[in-house]
Amino acid sequence: MAQLGRAPASGAGGRGFKSHQPDNSRPGTAKFFGKSDFLGRMKSYPQHKITIAAIAVFHLVAFSTQAVEVEVNVGRPPGVINFVYPEYPPKFAPYAWSGKGLFLLKVNSKTGIVDEVKVLRSTGHVLLNEFSVKAFFQWRFQPGGLAEVQVPVEFYAHGFSRSFH
């Protein structure tokens, strides 16, 4: 039968589980190393300095690797005079966000300026939606053209990203 709480053979230290190892944890016997102890040991073992430096360089290189390529595909409706791709800032590359969305652009037929943008289907990430909307407000259409246009957008991030924080 399972027993809750401390096991009877947990020893004087009361680790809460049965152990076949002797209980050596007595109060006042813990050994602490100060900063001077560590530095003194480092001076006497110069090979440790090289090892620690090599490990530090390895961590800087290996744990911040970024080789992510991002493709942005946007539908190009007829009558577009000024076409601007949505941006995907490099600082977001480690996240490798991808998604497909659909946007409705309401165009002023007299001027060709985009007056309103609605998200019909989200890309799955608020920031990717905002980057798309920002680009669409920079678009210009031929005056006298369509009043509403649906535009598909796809952000596709692929490659390798490794970032441990």
N, C-alpha and C. Protein backbone atom coordinates (compact mmCIF):
# COMPACT_ATOMS: atom_id res chain seq x y z
N MET A 1 0.85 -1.17 0.00
CA MET A 1 0.00 0.00 0.00
C MET A 1 0.89 1.24 0.00
N ALA A 2 0.54 2.23 -0.81
CA ALA A 2 1.32 3.46 -0.87
C ALA A 2 1.11 4.27 0.39
N GLN A 3 2.17 4.90 0.84
CA GLN A 3 2.11 5.66 2.07
C GLN A 3 2.35 7.13 1.73
N LEU A 4 1.50 8.00 2.23
CA LEU A 4 1.67 9.43 1.99
C LEU A 4 2.57 10.01 3.07
N GLY A 5 3.22 11.08 2.75
CA GLY A 5 4.10 11.73 3.72
C GLY A 5 5.50 11.15 3.63
N ARG A 6 6.25 11.28 4.70
CA ARG A 6 7.63 10.81 4.72
C ARG A 6 7.69 9.30 4.88
N ALA A 7 8.62 8.72 4.18
CA ALA A 7 8.81 7.28 4.31
C ALA A 7 9.52 7.01 5.64
N PRO A 8 9.25 5.89 6.28
CA PRO A 8 9.87 5.60 7.58
C PRO A 8 11.38 5.52 7.51
N ALA A 9 11.94 5.16 6.36
CA ALA A 9 13.39 5.00 6.27
C ALA A 9 14.04 6.22 5.64
N SER A 10 13.42 7.38 5.80
CA SER A 10 13.97 8.56 5.14
C SER A 10 15.18 9.12 5.87
N GLY A 11 15.44 8.70 7.05
CA GLY A 11 16.64 9.13 7.76
C GLY A 11 16.43 10.41 8.55
N ALA A 12 17.50 10.84 9.19
CA ALA A 12 17.42 12.01 10.07
C ALA A 12 17.17 13.29 9.30
N GLY A 13 17.68 13.37 8.09
CA GLY A 13 17.49 14.59 7.30
C GLY A 13 16.08 14.71 6.77
N GLY A 14 15.34 13.63 6.74
CA GLY A 14 13.95 13.65 6.31
C GLY A 14 13.78 14.07 4.87
N ARG A 15 14.46 13.38 3.94
CA ARG A 15 14.37 13.77 2.54
C ARG A 15 13.02 13.43 1.94
N GLY A 16 12.21 12.63 2.59
CA GLY A 16 10.88 12.34 2.11
C GLY A 16 10.80 11.15 1.18
N PHE A 17 11.87 10.42 0.99
CA PHE A 17 11.83 9.22 0.16
C PHE A 17 12.82 8.22 0.72
N LYS A 18 12.59 6.97 0.43
CA LYS A 18 13.50 5.94 0.90
C LYS A 18 14.77 5.98 0.06
N SER A 19 15.87 5.83 0.72
CA SER A 19 17.15 5.85 0.02
C SER A 19 18.04 4.78 0.59
N HIS A 20 18.82 4.17 -0.27
CA HIS A 20 19.77 3.17 0.19
C HIS A 20 21.12 3.81 0.53
N GLN A 21 21.19 5.11 0.37
CA GLN A 21 22.43 5.81 0.67
C GLN A 21 22.35 6.38 2.08
N PRO A 22 23.47 6.44 2.77
CA PRO A 22 23.44 6.98 4.13
C PRO A 22 23.12 8.47 4.11
N ASP A 23 22.53 8.94 5.19
CA ASP A 23 22.16 10.34 5.32
C ASP A 23 23.35 11.12 5.85
N ASN A 24 24.06 11.83 4.96
CA ASN A 24 25.24 12.61 5.36
C ASN A 24 24.92 14.09 5.50
N SER A 25 23.66 14.46 5.37
CA SER A 25 23.33 15.88 5.43
C SER A 25 23.04 16.26 6.88
N ARG A 26 24.07 16.64 7.58
CA ARG A 26 23.93 17.08 8.95
C ARG A 26 24.02 18.60 8.98
N PRO A 27 23.29 19.21 9.87
CA PRO A 27 23.34 20.68 9.95
C PRO A 27 24.76 21.17 10.21
N GLY A 28 25.15 22.21 9.51
CA GLY A 28 26.45 22.83 9.72
C GLY A 28 27.58 22.18 8.97
N THR A 29 27.32 21.14 8.17
CA THR A 29 28.41 20.47 7.46
C THR A 29 28.49 20.87 5.99
N ALA A 30 27.60 21.74 5.51
CA ALA A 30 27.63 22.15 4.11
C ALA A 30 28.86 23.02 3.86
N LYS A 31 29.48 22.83 2.71
CA LYS A 31 30.68 23.60 2.38
C LYS A 31 30.32 24.60 1.29
N PHE A 32 30.61 25.85 1.55
CA PHE A 32 30.35 26.91 0.59
C PHE A 32 31.67 27.47 0.10
N PHE A 33 31.71 27.77 -1.18
CA PHE A 33 32.90 28.37 -1.77
C PHE A 33 32.63 29.82 -2.05
N GLY A 34 33.50 30.67 -1.60
CA GLY A 34 33.37 32.09 -1.88
C GLY A 34 34.01 32.44 -3.20
N LYS A 35 33.90 33.70 -3.58
CA LYS A 35 34.47 34.16 -4.83
C LYS A 35 35.98 34.01 -4.84
N SER A 36 36.62 34.28 -3.71
CA SER A 36 38.07 34.18 -3.65
C SER A 36 38.53 32.72 -3.80
N ASP A 37 37.77 31.78 -3.25
CA ASP A 37 38.10 30.36 -3.42
C ASP A 37 38.07 29.97 -4.89
N PHE A 38 37.04 30.41 -5.59
CA PHE A 38 36.88 30.08 -7.01
C PHE A 38 38.03 30.67 -7.82
N LEU A 39 38.33 31.96 -7.60
CA LEU A 39 39.40 32.61 -8.35
C LEU A 39 40.76 31.98 -8.03
N GLY A 40 40.95 31.59 -6.78
CA GLY A 40 42.20 30.94 -6.41
C GLY A 40 42.37 29.61 -7.13
N ARG A 41 41.29 28.87 -7.24
CA ARG A 41 41.36 27.60 -7.95
C ARG A 41 41.60 27.83 -9.45
N MET A 42 41.02 28.88 -10.01
CA MET A 42 41.19 29.17 -11.43
C MET A 42 42.64 29.53 -11.74
N LYS A 43 43.29 30.23 -10.83
CA LYS A 43 44.69 30.60 -11.06
C LYS A 43 45.59 29.38 -11.05
N SER A 44 45.25 28.41 -10.21
CA SER A 44 46.10 27.23 -10.12
C SER A 44 45.83 26.23 -11.24
N TYR A 45 44.73 26.39 -11.98
CA TYR A 45 44.39 25.48 -13.08
C TYR A 45 44.13 26.29 -14.35
N PRO A 46 45.16 26.71 -15.08
CA PRO A 46 44.95 27.55 -16.27
C PRO A 46 44.19 26.83 -17.37
N GLN A 47 44.22 25.49 -17.41
CA GLN A 47 43.48 24.80 -18.46
C GLN A 47 41.98 25.00 -18.28
N HIS A 48 41.51 25.26 -17.05
CA HIS A 48 40.09 25.53 -16.83
C HIS A 48 39.68 26.84 -17.48
N LYS A 49 40.59 27.81 -17.48
CA LYS A 49 40.27 29.10 -18.12
C LYS A 49 39.99 28.88 -19.60
N ILE A 50 40.82 28.08 -20.24
CA ILE A 50 40.65 27.83 -21.67
C ILE A 50 39.35 27.07 -21.91
N THR A 51 39.07 26.10 -21.09
CA THR A 51 37.85 25.30 -21.23
C THR A 51 36.62 26.17 -21.06
N ILE A 52 36.60 27.01 -20.05
CA ILE A 52 35.46 27.88 -19.81
C ILE A 52 35.30 28.88 -20.95
N ALA A 53 36.39 29.42 -21.44
CA ALA A 53 36.31 30.35 -22.57
C ALA A 53 35.76 29.65 -23.81
N ALA A 54 36.19 28.43 -24.06
CA ALA A 54 35.70 27.68 -25.22
C ALA A 54 34.21 27.40 -25.09
N ILE A 55 33.77 27.04 -23.90
CA ILE A 55 32.35 26.78 -23.69
C ILE A 55 31.54 28.06 -23.89
N ALA A 56 32.04 29.18 -23.40
CA ALA A 56 31.33 30.45 -23.56
C ALA A 56 31.19 30.82 -25.03
N VAL A 57 32.24 30.66 -25.79
CA VAL A 57 32.19 30.97 -27.23
C VAL A 57 31.21 30.03 -27.92
N PHE A 58 31.24 28.75 -27.57
CA PHE A 58 30.33 27.78 -28.17
C PHE A 58 28.88 28.18 -27.91
N HIS A 59 28.57 28.57 -26.67
CA HIS A 59 27.20 28.96 -26.34
C HIS A 59 26.78 30.20 -27.11
N LEU A 60 27.66 31.16 -27.27
CA LEU A 60 27.31 32.36 -28.03
C LEU A 60 26.99 32.04 -29.48
N VAL A 61 27.75 31.13 -30.05
CA VAL A 61 27.55 30.78 -31.45
C VAL A 61 26.39 29.82 -31.63
N ALA A 62 26.36 28.75 -30.85
CA ALA A 62 25.38 27.69 -31.07
C ALA A 62 23.98 28.05 -30.61
N PHE A 63 23.85 28.80 -29.55
CA PHE A 63 22.52 29.04 -29.01
C PHE A 63 21.89 30.34 -29.48
N SER A 64 22.47 30.99 -30.45
CA SER A 64 21.82 32.16 -31.03
C SER A 64 21.86 32.08 -32.55
N THR A 65 21.89 30.88 -33.08
CA THR A 65 21.95 30.67 -34.51
C THR A 65 20.63 31.07 -35.15
N GLN A 66 20.72 31.83 -36.24
CA GLN A 66 19.53 32.22 -36.97
C GLN A 66 19.80 32.15 -38.45
N ALA A 67 19.17 31.23 -39.10
CA ALA A 67 19.26 31.14 -40.55
C ALA A 67 17.85 30.90 -41.06
N VAL A 68 16.97 31.84 -40.76
CA VAL A 68 15.57 31.72 -41.14
C VAL A 68 15.32 32.61 -42.36
N GLU A 69 14.69 32.02 -43.35
CA GLU A 69 14.32 32.78 -44.54
C GLU A 69 12.80 32.96 -44.51
N VAL A 70 12.35 34.17 -44.79
CA VAL A 70 10.92 34.45 -44.75
C VAL A 70 10.47 34.91 -46.14
N GLU A 71 9.45 34.24 -46.65
CA GLU A 71 8.85 34.63 -47.91
C GLU A 71 7.51 35.28 -47.61
N VAL A 72 7.22 36.38 -48.29
CA VAL A 72 5.93 37.04 -48.15
C VAL A 72 5.28 37.05 -49.53
N ASN A 73 4.17 36.34 -49.65
CA ASN A 73 3.43 36.27 -50.91
C ASN A 73 2.13 37.04 -50.76
N VAL A 74 1.90 37.97 -51.68
CA VAL A 74 0.72 38.81 -51.63
C VAL A 74 0.02 38.76 -52.98
N GLY A 75 -1.30 38.58 -52.95
CA GLY A 75 -2.07 38.63 -54.19
C GLY A 75 -2.02 40.04 -54.76
N ARG A 76 -1.90 40.15 -56.07
CA ARG A 76 -1.80 41.47 -56.71
C ARG A 76 -3.05 41.70 -57.56
N PRO A 77 -4.01 42.43 -57.00
CA PRO A 77 -5.25 42.66 -57.75
C PRO A 77 -5.03 43.61 -58.94
N PRO A 78 -5.91 43.58 -59.92
CA PRO A 78 -5.75 44.47 -61.07
C PRO A 78 -5.96 45.92 -60.69
N GLY A 79 -5.24 46.80 -61.36
CA GLY A 79 -5.39 48.23 -61.13
C GLY A 79 -4.49 48.82 -60.07
N VAL A 80 -3.57 48.04 -59.51
CA VAL A 80 -2.68 48.56 -58.48
C VAL A 80 -1.57 49.37 -59.15
N ILE A 81 -1.43 50.63 -58.72
CA ILE A 81 -0.37 51.50 -59.25
C ILE A 81 0.85 51.45 -58.34
N ASN A 82 0.62 51.55 -57.04
CA ASN A 82 1.71 51.52 -56.05
C ASN A 82 1.52 50.27 -55.19
N PHE A 83 2.43 49.30 -55.34
CA PHE A 83 2.34 48.03 -54.64
C PHE A 83 3.46 47.96 -53.61
N VAL A 84 3.12 47.71 -52.34
CA VAL A 84 4.10 47.62 -51.26
C VAL A 84 3.91 46.27 -50.56
N TYR A 85 5.02 45.52 -50.43
CA TYR A 85 4.97 44.25 -49.71
C TYR A 85 4.93 44.50 -48.21
N PRO A 86 4.19 43.67 -47.46
CA PRO A 86 4.25 43.75 -46.00
C PRO A 86 5.67 43.40 -45.53
N GLU A 87 6.13 44.11 -44.53
CA GLU A 87 7.48 43.84 -44.02
C GLU A 87 7.43 42.71 -43.00
N TYR A 88 8.56 42.06 -42.86
CA TYR A 88 8.76 41.04 -41.83
C TYR A 88 10.10 41.40 -41.20
N PRO A 89 10.08 42.18 -40.11
CA PRO A 89 11.34 42.65 -39.51
C PRO A 89 12.27 41.51 -39.13
N PRO A 90 13.57 41.67 -39.37
CA PRO A 90 14.55 40.62 -39.05
C PRO A 90 14.54 40.20 -37.58
N LYS A 91 14.16 41.09 -36.68
CA LYS A 91 14.16 40.72 -35.26
C LYS A 91 13.09 39.68 -34.93
N PHE A 92 12.11 39.48 -35.84
CA PHE A 92 11.09 38.46 -35.63
C PHE A 92 11.46 37.13 -36.28
N ALA A 93 12.57 37.08 -37.01
CA ALA A 93 12.97 35.85 -37.70
C ALA A 93 13.17 34.66 -36.75
N PRO A 94 13.73 34.85 -35.54
CA PRO A 94 13.90 33.69 -34.66
C PRO A 94 12.57 33.02 -34.27
N TYR A 95 11.48 33.77 -34.32
CA TYR A 95 10.18 33.20 -33.97
C TYR A 95 9.61 32.36 -35.10
N ALA A 96 10.05 32.61 -36.33
CA ALA A 96 9.63 31.86 -37.52
C ALA A 96 8.11 31.79 -37.64
N TRP A 97 7.46 32.94 -37.48
CA TRP A 97 6.01 33.00 -37.60
C TRP A 97 5.60 32.83 -39.05
N SER A 98 4.63 31.99 -39.29
CA SER A 98 4.06 31.78 -40.61
C SER A 98 2.56 31.87 -40.50
N GLY A 99 1.91 32.19 -41.61
CA GLY A 99 0.45 32.22 -41.60
C GLY A 99 -0.10 32.75 -42.90
N LYS A 100 -1.36 32.40 -43.16
CA LYS A 100 -2.09 32.86 -44.35
C LYS A 100 -3.28 33.67 -43.88
N GLY A 101 -3.50 34.80 -44.53
CA GLY A 101 -4.63 35.64 -44.17
C GLY A 101 -5.32 36.18 -45.41
N LEU A 102 -6.51 36.75 -45.19
CA LEU A 102 -7.28 37.35 -46.27
C LEU A 102 -7.79 38.70 -45.78
N PHE A 103 -7.58 39.73 -46.60
CA PHE A 103 -7.91 41.10 -46.21
C PHE A 103 -8.85 41.72 -47.25
N LEU A 104 -9.76 42.57 -46.78
CA LEU A 104 -10.66 43.31 -47.65
C LEU A 104 -10.24 44.77 -47.66
N LEU A 105 -9.92 45.27 -48.85
CA LEU A 105 -9.51 46.67 -48.99
C LEU A 105 -10.67 47.45 -49.60
N LYS A 106 -11.04 48.55 -48.96
CA LYS A 106 -12.06 49.45 -49.50
C LYS A 106 -11.32 50.64 -50.09
N VAL A 107 -11.51 50.83 -51.38
CA VAL A 107 -10.75 51.82 -52.14
C VAL A 107 -11.68 52.97 -52.53
N ASN A 108 -11.18 54.19 -52.37
CA ASN A 108 -11.90 55.38 -52.84
C ASN A 108 -11.80 55.38 -54.36
N SER A 109 -12.92 55.21 -55.04
CA SER A 109 -12.90 55.08 -56.50
C SER A 109 -12.50 56.37 -57.20
N LYS A 110 -12.64 57.52 -56.56
CA LYS A 110 -12.26 58.80 -57.18
C LYS A 110 -10.75 59.02 -57.13
N THR A 111 -10.12 58.64 -55.99
CA THR A 111 -8.69 58.93 -55.82
C THR A 111 -7.80 57.70 -55.96
N GLY A 112 -8.35 56.51 -55.74
CA GLY A 112 -7.56 55.29 -55.79
C GLY A 112 -6.82 54.99 -54.49
N ILE A 113 -7.11 55.77 -53.44
CA ILE A 113 -6.47 55.59 -52.13
C ILE A 113 -7.25 54.55 -51.32
N VAL A 114 -6.53 53.71 -50.60
CA VAL A 114 -7.16 52.72 -49.72
C VAL A 114 -7.67 53.44 -48.48
N ASP A 115 -9.00 53.40 -48.30
CA ASP A 115 -9.61 54.09 -47.17
C ASP A 115 -9.76 53.19 -45.94
N GLU A 116 -9.94 51.88 -46.18
CA GLU A 116 -10.21 50.98 -45.06
C GLU A 116 -9.68 49.59 -45.39
N VAL A 117 -9.17 48.91 -44.35
CA VAL A 117 -8.71 47.53 -44.49
C VAL A 117 -9.34 46.70 -43.38
N LYS A 118 -9.97 45.59 -43.76
CA LYS A 118 -10.58 44.67 -42.79
C LYS A 118 -9.89 43.32 -42.89
N VAL A 119 -9.71 42.69 -41.74
CA VAL A 119 -9.14 41.34 -41.69
C VAL A 119 -10.31 40.36 -41.81
N LEU A 120 -10.38 39.68 -42.96
CA LEU A 120 -11.42 38.67 -43.15
C LEU A 120 -11.00 37.33 -42.54
N ARG A 121 -9.74 36.99 -42.71
CA ARG A 121 -9.17 35.78 -42.12
C ARG A 121 -7.77 36.14 -41.61
N SER A 122 -7.55 35.93 -40.33
CA SER A 122 -6.28 36.31 -39.70
C SER A 122 -5.14 35.41 -40.16
N THR A 123 -3.94 35.95 -40.13
CA THR A 123 -2.74 35.16 -40.42
C THR A 123 -2.39 34.25 -39.25
N GLY A 124 -3.01 34.51 -38.12
CA GLY A 124 -2.72 33.73 -36.92
C GLY A 124 -1.84 34.48 -35.94
N HIS A 125 -1.31 35.62 -36.37
CA HIS A 125 -0.45 36.44 -35.51
C HIS A 125 -0.85 37.90 -35.69
N VAL A 126 -1.15 38.56 -34.59
CA VAL A 126 -1.60 39.95 -34.63
C VAL A 126 -0.59 40.84 -35.34
N LEU A 127 0.68 40.64 -35.06
CA LEU A 127 1.71 41.50 -35.68
C LEU A 127 1.79 41.30 -37.19
N LEU A 128 1.63 40.07 -37.65
CA LEU A 128 1.64 39.84 -39.10
C LEU A 128 0.43 40.52 -39.75
N ASN A 129 -0.71 40.49 -39.08
CA ASN A 129 -1.88 41.21 -39.58
C ASN A 129 -1.60 42.71 -39.66
N GLU A 130 -0.97 43.25 -38.61
CA GLU A 130 -0.69 44.68 -38.58
C GLU A 130 0.32 45.08 -39.66
N PHE A 131 1.33 44.24 -39.91
CA PHE A 131 2.30 44.54 -40.97
C PHE A 131 1.60 44.55 -42.33
N SER A 132 0.65 43.65 -42.52
CA SER A 132 -0.09 43.59 -43.78
C SER A 132 -0.95 44.84 -43.96
N VAL A 133 -1.68 45.20 -42.93
CA VAL A 133 -2.56 46.38 -43.00
C VAL A 133 -1.74 47.64 -43.27
N LYS A 134 -0.61 47.75 -42.61
CA LYS A 134 0.27 48.92 -42.82
C LYS A 134 0.70 49.02 -44.28
N ALA A 135 1.04 47.89 -44.89
CA ALA A 135 1.44 47.89 -46.30
C ALA A 135 0.26 48.25 -47.21
N PHE A 136 -0.94 47.71 -46.91
CA PHE A 136 -2.10 47.97 -47.76
C PHE A 136 -2.50 49.43 -47.77
N PHE A 137 -2.30 50.13 -46.67
CA PHE A 137 -2.63 51.56 -46.64
C PHE A 137 -1.67 52.38 -47.51
N GLN A 138 -0.56 51.79 -47.93
CA GLN A 138 0.37 52.48 -48.82
C GLN A 138 0.06 52.19 -50.30
N TRP A 139 -0.82 51.26 -50.55
CA TRP A 139 -1.18 50.92 -51.93
C TRP A 139 -1.98 52.05 -52.57
N ARG A 140 -1.84 52.16 -53.88
CA ARG A 140 -2.63 53.11 -54.67
C ARG A 140 -3.18 52.36 -55.88
N PHE A 141 -4.46 52.65 -56.20
CA PHE A 141 -5.12 52.03 -57.33
C PHE A 141 -5.42 53.08 -58.39
N GLN A 142 -5.69 52.62 -59.60
CA GLN A 142 -6.10 53.54 -60.67
C GLN A 142 -7.46 54.12 -60.29
N PRO A 143 -7.62 55.42 -60.37
CA PRO A 143 -8.94 56.02 -60.08
C PRO A 143 -10.00 55.46 -61.03
N GLY A 144 -11.20 55.34 -60.50
CA GLY A 144 -12.31 54.82 -61.29
C GLY A 144 -12.35 53.31 -61.34
N GLY A 145 -11.52 52.64 -60.57
CA GLY A 145 -11.46 51.16 -60.57
C GLY A 145 -12.39 50.56 -59.54
N LEU A 146 -12.00 49.41 -59.05
CA LEU A 146 -12.79 48.66 -58.09
C LEU A 146 -12.92 49.40 -56.76
N ALA A 147 -14.10 49.21 -56.10
CA ALA A 147 -14.31 49.85 -54.81
C ALA A 147 -13.88 48.95 -53.66
N GLU A 148 -13.95 47.64 -53.87
CA GLU A 148 -13.53 46.67 -52.86
C GLU A 148 -12.68 45.59 -53.50
N VAL A 149 -11.63 45.18 -52.79
CA VAL A 149 -10.73 44.15 -53.30
C VAL A 149 -10.35 43.23 -52.15
N GLN A 150 -10.41 41.91 -52.41
CA GLN A 150 -9.92 40.94 -51.43
C GLN A 150 -8.49 40.56 -51.80
N VAL A 151 -7.60 40.61 -50.79
CA VAL A 151 -6.19 40.33 -51.05
C VAL A 151 -5.71 39.23 -50.09
N PRO A 152 -5.21 38.11 -50.66
CA PRO A 152 -4.62 37.07 -49.81
C PRO A 152 -3.16 37.39 -49.50
N VAL A 153 -2.73 37.02 -48.30
CA VAL A 153 -1.35 37.24 -47.87
C VAL A 153 -0.85 35.95 -47.22
N GLU A 154 0.40 35.59 -47.53
CA GLU A 154 1.01 34.43 -46.88
C GLU A 154 2.41 34.80 -46.42
N PHE A 155 2.67 34.57 -45.15
CA PHE A 155 4.01 34.69 -44.58
C PHE A 155 4.50 33.27 -44.37
N TYR A 156 5.63 32.94 -44.97
CA TYR A 156 6.16 31.58 -44.86
C TYR A 156 7.60 31.67 -44.38
N ALA A 157 7.82 31.27 -43.13
CA ALA A 157 9.17 31.28 -42.56
C ALA A 157 9.69 29.86 -42.55
N HIS A 158 10.88 29.67 -43.12
CA HIS A 158 11.47 28.34 -43.14
C HIS A 158 12.96 28.46 -42.95
N GLY A 159 13.56 27.38 -42.57
CA GLY A 159 15.00 27.38 -42.29
C GLY A 159 15.25 26.92 -40.87
N PHE A 160 16.30 27.43 -40.30
CA PHE A 160 16.74 26.97 -38.99
C PHE A 160 16.81 28.15 -38.04
N SER A 161 16.28 27.99 -36.86
CA SER A 161 16.38 29.01 -35.83
C SER A 161 16.59 28.32 -34.50
N ARG A 162 17.60 28.75 -33.78
CA ARG A 162 17.87 28.16 -32.48
C ARG A 162 18.24 29.28 -31.53
N SER A 163 17.42 29.50 -30.54
CA SER A 163 17.68 30.56 -29.60
C SER A 163 17.21 30.13 -28.23
N PHE A 164 18.12 29.80 -27.35
CA PHE A 164 17.78 29.41 -25.99
C PHE A 164 18.01 30.61 -25.08
N HIS A 165 16.98 30.98 -24.38
CA HIS A 165 17.10 32.13 -23.47
C HIS A 165 16.91 31.68 -22.06
